[in-house]
Amino acid sequence: MSAKSQDVLRRVALHVEEPRPGAFEWVLTEADSLGGGQWKVLKRARKASATYKVSMADGLIALQSLIEDLDTGPRAPAALEPEPPRRQADKRAARSVAGARTAEAPAKPPGRTAFGFGVLE
């Protein structure tokens, strides 16, 4: 089994803050590996954007820059973040939902976008 298949998905989140009216700043955070509910800042915007949409698109581009393979998402070695035990019912439900999504997946829009928030250049 390859080391890559043993990696676990990192819990990275993107949100936008508005420190003053009309100034939007993206922030990437990551949940602690122990599941204690603490989040640490990974990256944040260096300057504010005029709209939420632009800030979110810029943040998604920053998030994408952290991910080696967008098909599998941000990964960390399993030793750093143990995967919680999963019940069989959870696994069956996840497979069922994934199969439904695949069957209903819409055609990809032309061009490269940051998850629908803007065009990547």
Protein backbone atom coordinates (compact mmCIF):
# COMPACT_ATOMS: atom_id res chain seq x y z
CA MET A 1 0.00 0.00 0.00
CA SER A 2 1.42 3.40 -0.93
CA ALA A 3 2.04 6.14 1.62
CA LYS A 4 -0.33 8.43 -0.29
CA SER A 5 -3.29 6.08 0.23
CA GLN A 6 -2.65 6.22 3.99
CA ASP A 7 -2.85 10.01 4.08
CA VAL A 8 -5.90 11.59 5.69
CA LEU A 9 -7.93 14.53 4.50
CA ARG A 10 -7.02 17.75 6.32
CA ARG A 11 -9.86 19.84 7.76
CA VAL A 12 -9.17 23.16 6.07
CA ALA A 13 -11.81 25.90 5.93
CA LEU A 14 -12.12 29.16 4.08
CA HIS A 15 -14.10 32.09 5.40
CA VAL A 16 -14.30 35.80 4.69
CA GLU A 17 -14.05 38.52 7.34
CA GLU A 18 -15.15 42.14 7.02
CA PRO A 19 -12.89 44.08 9.42
CA ARG A 20 -14.44 47.35 8.24
CA PRO A 21 -17.46 48.02 6.00
CA GLY A 22 -16.73 47.15 2.37
CA ALA A 23 -13.34 45.55 3.08
CA PHE A 24 -13.42 41.77 2.68
CA GLU A 25 -10.49 39.52 3.64
CA TRP A 26 -10.29 35.76 3.12
CA VAL A 27 -8.84 33.51 5.85
CA LEU A 28 -7.77 29.86 5.58
CA THR A 29 -7.90 27.92 8.84
CA GLU A 30 -7.25 24.32 9.82
CA ALA A 31 -8.84 22.30 12.61
CA ASP A 32 -6.47 20.85 15.16
CA SER A 33 -5.62 17.20 14.66
CA LEU A 34 -6.86 16.22 18.11
CA GLY A 35 -10.47 17.20 17.41
CA GLY A 36 -10.56 19.75 20.23
CA GLY A 37 -12.48 22.28 18.17
CA GLN A 38 -9.56 24.68 17.87
CA TRP A 39 -8.73 26.27 14.50
CA LYS A 40 -5.39 27.80 13.55
CA VAL A 41 -4.88 30.33 10.79
CA LEU A 42 -2.90 28.95 7.84
CA LYS A 43 -3.03 31.95 5.51
CA ARG A 44 -4.92 35.20 5.17
CA ALA A 45 -5.35 37.93 2.58
CA ARG A 46 -2.60 40.53 2.52
CA LYS A 47 -5.06 43.21 1.45
CA ALA A 48 -8.81 43.59 1.45
CA SER A 49 -11.06 43.15 -1.57
CA ALA A 50 -13.99 45.39 -2.43
CA THR A 51 -16.51 42.52 -2.57
CA TYR A 52 -17.19 39.25 -0.81
CA LYS A 53 -17.22 37.46 -4.18
CA VAL A 54 -13.71 38.60 -5.12
CA SER A 55 -12.38 37.83 -1.65
CA MET A 56 -13.89 34.33 -1.68
CA ALA A 57 -12.49 33.64 -5.16
CA ASP A 58 -9.04 34.79 -4.07
CA GLY A 59 -9.29 32.61 -0.97
CA LEU A 60 -10.27 29.59 -3.02
CA ILE A 61 -7.27 30.13 -5.26
CA ALA A 62 -5.09 30.25 -2.12
CA LEU A 63 -6.73 27.05 -0.90
CA GLN A 64 -6.12 25.36 -4.24
CA SER A 65 -2.44 26.33 -4.01
CA LEU A 66 -2.19 24.20 -0.84
CA ILE A 67 -3.59 21.12 -2.58
CA GLU A 68 -1.33 18.90 -4.63
CA ASP A 69 -4.21 16.94 -6.20
CA LEU A 70 -7.63 18.64 -6.38
CA ASP A 71 -9.30 15.26 -6.96
CA THR A 72 -8.23 13.99 -3.52
CA GLY A 73 -8.01 17.25 -1.56
CA PRO A 74 -5.51 18.50 1.01
CA ARG A 75 -3.77 15.56 2.64
CA ALA A 76 -1.63 15.00 5.72
CA PRO A 77 0.26 11.90 6.81
CA ALA A 78 -1.97 9.59 8.85
CA ALA A 79 0.43 9.74 11.80
CA LEU A 80 -0.32 13.46 12.21
CA GLU A 81 -4.10 13.17 12.15
CA PRO A 82 -5.65 9.82 13.00
CA GLU A 83 -8.90 9.02 11.23
CA PRO A 84 -11.77 8.50 13.65
CA PRO A 85 -13.38 5.05 13.56
CA ARG A 86 -16.28 4.84 11.13
CA ARG A 87 -19.33 2.66 11.35
CA GLN A 88 -20.32 0.45 8.44
CA ALA A 89 -23.62 2.34 8.02
CA ASP A 90 -21.69 5.60 7.60
CA LYS A 91 -19.56 4.02 4.88
CA ARG A 92 -22.60 2.67 3.02
CA ALA A 93 -24.35 6.05 3.22
CA ALA A 94 -21.26 7.88 1.94
CA ARG A 95 -20.96 5.48 -1.01
CA SER A 96 -24.65 5.92 -1.78
CA VAL A 97 -24.40 9.73 -1.73
CA ALA A 98 -21.22 9.67 -3.82
CA GLY A 99 -22.90 7.44 -6.41
CA ALA A 100 -25.90 9.76 -6.57
CA ARG A 101 -23.66 12.78 -7.07
CA THR A 102 -21.80 11.06 -9.89
CA ALA A 103 -25.04 10.16 -11.66
CA GLU A 104 -26.41 13.70 -11.35
CA ALA A 105 -23.20 15.63 -11.96
CA PRO A 106 -23.80 18.59 -14.28
CA ALA A 107 -21.54 19.30 -17.21
CA LYS A 108 -18.50 21.37 -16.29
CA PRO A 109 -18.73 25.02 -17.34
CA PRO A 110 -16.24 26.22 -19.94
CA GLY A 111 -13.06 27.81 -18.61
CA ARG A 112 -11.38 27.35 -15.26
CA THR A 113 -13.20 28.67 -12.23
CA ALA A 114 -12.48 28.79 -8.53
CA PHE A 115 -15.45 26.67 -7.46
CA GLY A 116 -17.85 29.03 -9.26
CA PHE A 117 -16.63 32.22 -7.59
CA GLY A 118 -14.41 33.50 -10.37
CA VAL A 119 -12.20 32.73 -13.30
CA LEU A 120 -8.70 31.45 -12.72
CA GLU A 121 -6.16 33.16 -14.90
